[in-house]
Amino acid sequence: MSYWLLKSEPDEFSIQDLRLKKTERWDGVRNYQARNFIEQMQPGDLAFFYHSSCKTIGIAGVMSIASHAYPDPLAVDKSSPYFDEQSLQKNRWLAIDMQYKTTFKHVLKLANIKALALNDERLLDLKLIQKGNRLSVMPISNEQWQCLMEACVPN
């Protein structure tokens, strides 16, 4: 099993939206490195749902990968803000289905994650807190997953 972190702006799509829908397509990713990570995802993998560009930025819950990657239908939908003219020839973007697992009682804020990283070497290479990293999809190591889960779900 692999672990991931996926970002979404909650005014566009939140953990609460996923909870209501149970399973939903994760689409609109327009970065090649993030797309390549989506391609590596397998059904059953787990992912943190991360709220970005909002008042409370951080990890809001957990979802699981519910499908293999497939061509993103928004890339060829001319009415979509994620339309990509070049994808009409060959769709180069991917989507994946996500299934709701849980919402944390409190969002694990980015500031708390950064503070935790100062004292826990498991987060040393966490892409999320590396300067200049703005990827919306990123891998999380087993050790990073365990560390962040411990912080999200106190004993």
Protein backbone atom coordinates (compact mmCIF):
# COMPACT_ATOMS: atom_id res chain seq x y z
CA MET A 1 0.00 0.00 0.00
CA SER A 2 1.15 3.53 -0.77
CA TYR A 3 0.21 6.79 0.92
CA TRP A 4 -0.55 10.16 -0.62
CA LEU A 5 -1.58 13.71 0.16
CA LEU A 6 -4.00 15.52 -2.16
CA LYS A 7 -4.90 19.17 -1.88
CA SER A 8 -8.22 20.80 -2.63
CA GLU A 9 -9.65 24.22 -1.94
CA PRO A 10 -12.64 23.55 0.32
CA ASP A 11 -14.81 26.18 -1.41
CA GLU A 12 -14.40 24.08 -4.58
CA PHE A 13 -14.46 20.58 -3.04
CA SER A 14 -14.03 19.73 0.65
CA ILE A 15 -13.78 16.65 2.86
CA GLN A 16 -17.43 17.31 3.77
CA ASP A 17 -18.37 17.16 0.08
CA LEU A 18 -16.58 13.83 -0.26
CA ARG A 19 -18.28 12.53 2.89
CA LEU A 20 -21.69 13.31 1.39
CA LYS A 21 -20.88 11.81 -2.01
CA LYS A 22 -18.94 8.84 -0.56
CA THR A 23 -16.99 8.35 -3.82
CA GLU A 24 -16.00 11.08 -6.24
CA ARG A 25 -13.68 11.72 -9.15
CA TRP A 26 -10.51 13.69 -8.36
CA ASP A 27 -9.87 15.71 -11.48
CA GLY A 28 -8.52 18.98 -12.82
CA VAL A 29 -4.86 18.29 -11.98
CA ARG A 30 -2.74 20.19 -14.51
CA ASN A 31 0.81 19.60 -13.38
CA TYR A 32 2.89 16.85 -14.98
CA GLN A 33 4.60 15.70 -11.78
CA ALA A 34 1.26 15.55 -9.93
CA ARG A 35 -0.24 13.68 -12.90
CA ASN A 36 2.59 11.16 -12.77
CA PHE A 37 1.86 10.55 -9.08
CA ILE A 38 -1.82 9.94 -9.91
CA GLU A 39 -0.71 7.38 -12.47
CA GLN A 40 1.13 5.46 -9.70
CA MET A 41 -1.90 5.27 -7.39
CA GLN A 42 -3.57 1.92 -6.83
CA PRO A 43 -7.01 1.04 -5.45
CA GLY A 44 -6.74 0.65 -1.69
CA ASP A 45 -3.97 3.22 -1.26
CA LEU A 46 -4.75 5.83 1.40
CA ALA A 47 -4.51 9.60 1.06
CA PHE A 48 -4.75 12.60 3.31
CA PHE A 49 -7.38 15.13 2.22
CA TYR A 50 -5.65 18.49 2.58
CA HIS A 51 -7.58 21.78 2.59
CA SER A 52 -5.61 24.57 0.90
CA SER A 53 -6.16 28.26 0.12
CA CYS A 54 -8.57 28.72 3.01
CA LYS A 55 -8.73 30.01 6.58
CA THR A 56 -7.70 26.68 8.17
CA ILE A 57 -5.05 25.14 5.91
CA GLY A 58 -4.13 21.55 6.72
CA ILE A 59 -5.05 17.87 6.79
CA ALA A 60 -8.80 17.47 7.22
CA GLY A 61 -9.26 13.72 6.85
CA VAL A 62 -8.49 10.49 5.02
CA MET A 63 -9.74 9.00 1.77
CA SER A 64 -8.83 5.90 -0.18
CA ILE A 65 -8.02 5.42 -3.82
CA ALA A 66 -11.06 3.72 -5.35
CA SER A 67 -9.97 3.21 -8.98
CA HIS A 68 -7.01 3.11 -11.29
CA ALA A 69 -6.15 6.37 -13.05
CA TYR A 70 -8.11 7.16 -16.21
CA PRO A 71 -8.23 10.06 -18.71
CA ASP A 72 -9.59 13.22 -17.10
CA PRO A 73 -12.88 14.01 -18.89
CA LEU A 74 -12.58 17.69 -17.95
CA ALA A 75 -9.51 18.03 -20.17
CA VAL A 76 -11.68 17.56 -23.28
CA ASP A 77 -14.77 19.38 -22.00
CA LYS A 78 -14.73 22.80 -23.67
CA SER A 79 -17.06 24.20 -21.00
CA SER A 80 -14.71 23.21 -18.16
CA PRO A 81 -12.18 25.58 -16.61
CA TYR A 82 -9.81 22.58 -16.80
CA PHE A 83 -10.19 22.23 -20.58
CA ASP A 84 -6.90 21.60 -22.38
CA GLU A 85 -6.92 22.21 -26.13
CA GLN A 86 -3.99 19.83 -26.72
CA SER A 87 -5.88 17.01 -25.00
CA LEU A 88 -8.36 16.94 -27.90
CA GLN A 89 -5.61 15.16 -29.87
CA LYS A 90 -4.47 12.96 -26.98
CA ASN A 91 -5.75 13.41 -23.45
CA ARG A 92 -2.60 13.85 -21.38
CA TRP A 93 -4.30 14.40 -18.01
CA LEU A 94 -5.53 11.85 -15.49
CA ALA A 95 -8.32 11.57 -12.94
CA ILE A 96 -8.90 9.01 -10.22
CA ASP A 97 -11.82 8.07 -7.99
CA MET A 98 -11.54 8.71 -4.27
CA GLN A 99 -13.62 7.18 -1.48
CA TYR A 100 -14.35 8.89 1.82
CA LYS A 101 -12.85 7.30 4.94
CA THR A 102 -12.88 9.79 7.83
CA THR A 103 -12.91 13.43 8.85
CA PHE A 104 -10.63 14.46 11.69
CA LYS A 105 -12.18 16.24 14.66
CA HIS A 106 -9.66 19.06 14.11
CA VAL A 107 -7.71 19.99 10.99
CA LEU A 108 -4.00 19.32 11.45
CA LYS A 109 -2.83 22.80 10.50
CA LEU A 110 0.16 23.40 8.26
CA ALA A 111 1.82 25.44 11.02
CA ASN A 112 1.47 22.46 13.39
CA ILE A 113 2.93 20.11 10.77
CA LYS A 114 5.94 22.40 10.35
CA ALA A 115 6.41 22.59 14.12
CA LEU A 116 6.12 18.81 14.41
CA ALA A 117 8.79 18.41 11.70
CA LEU A 118 11.27 20.33 13.86
CA ASN A 119 11.08 17.58 16.49
CA ASP A 120 10.35 14.44 14.48
CA GLU A 121 12.86 13.23 11.92
CA ARG A 122 10.18 11.15 10.19
CA LEU A 123 8.97 14.41 8.60
CA LEU A 124 12.43 15.54 7.52
CA ASP A 125 11.75 14.92 3.79
CA LEU A 126 8.02 15.72 3.76
CA LYS A 127 7.41 17.40 0.40
CA LEU A 128 4.50 19.40 1.80
CA ILE A 129 6.78 21.58 3.94
CA GLN A 130 9.70 21.90 1.54
CA LYS A 131 10.24 25.46 0.36
CA GLY A 132 8.68 26.15 -3.03
CA ASN A 133 6.70 22.91 -3.20
CA ARG A 134 3.17 23.66 -4.37
CA LEU A 135 2.19 20.27 -5.77
CA SER A 136 -1.45 19.33 -5.27
CA VAL A 137 -0.65 15.59 -5.29
CA MET A 138 2.35 14.11 -3.51
CA PRO A 139 3.55 10.82 -2.06
CA ILE A 140 3.79 10.32 1.69
CA SER A 141 6.18 7.70 3.10
CA ASN A 142 4.97 5.05 5.54
CA GLU A 143 6.87 6.80 8.36
CA GLN A 144 5.42 10.21 7.46
CA TRP A 145 1.92 8.71 7.32
CA GLN A 146 2.32 7.19 10.80
CA CYS A 147 3.70 10.43 12.25
CA LEU A 148 0.89 12.57 10.79
CA MET A 149 -1.78 10.06 11.81
CA GLU A 150 -0.46 10.15 15.37
CA ALA A 151 -0.78 13.94 15.30
CA CYS A 152 -4.30 13.81 13.80
CA VAL A 153 -5.68 11.15 16.09
CA PRO A 154 -4.33 11.74 19.61
CA ASN A 155 -4.18 8.73 21.94
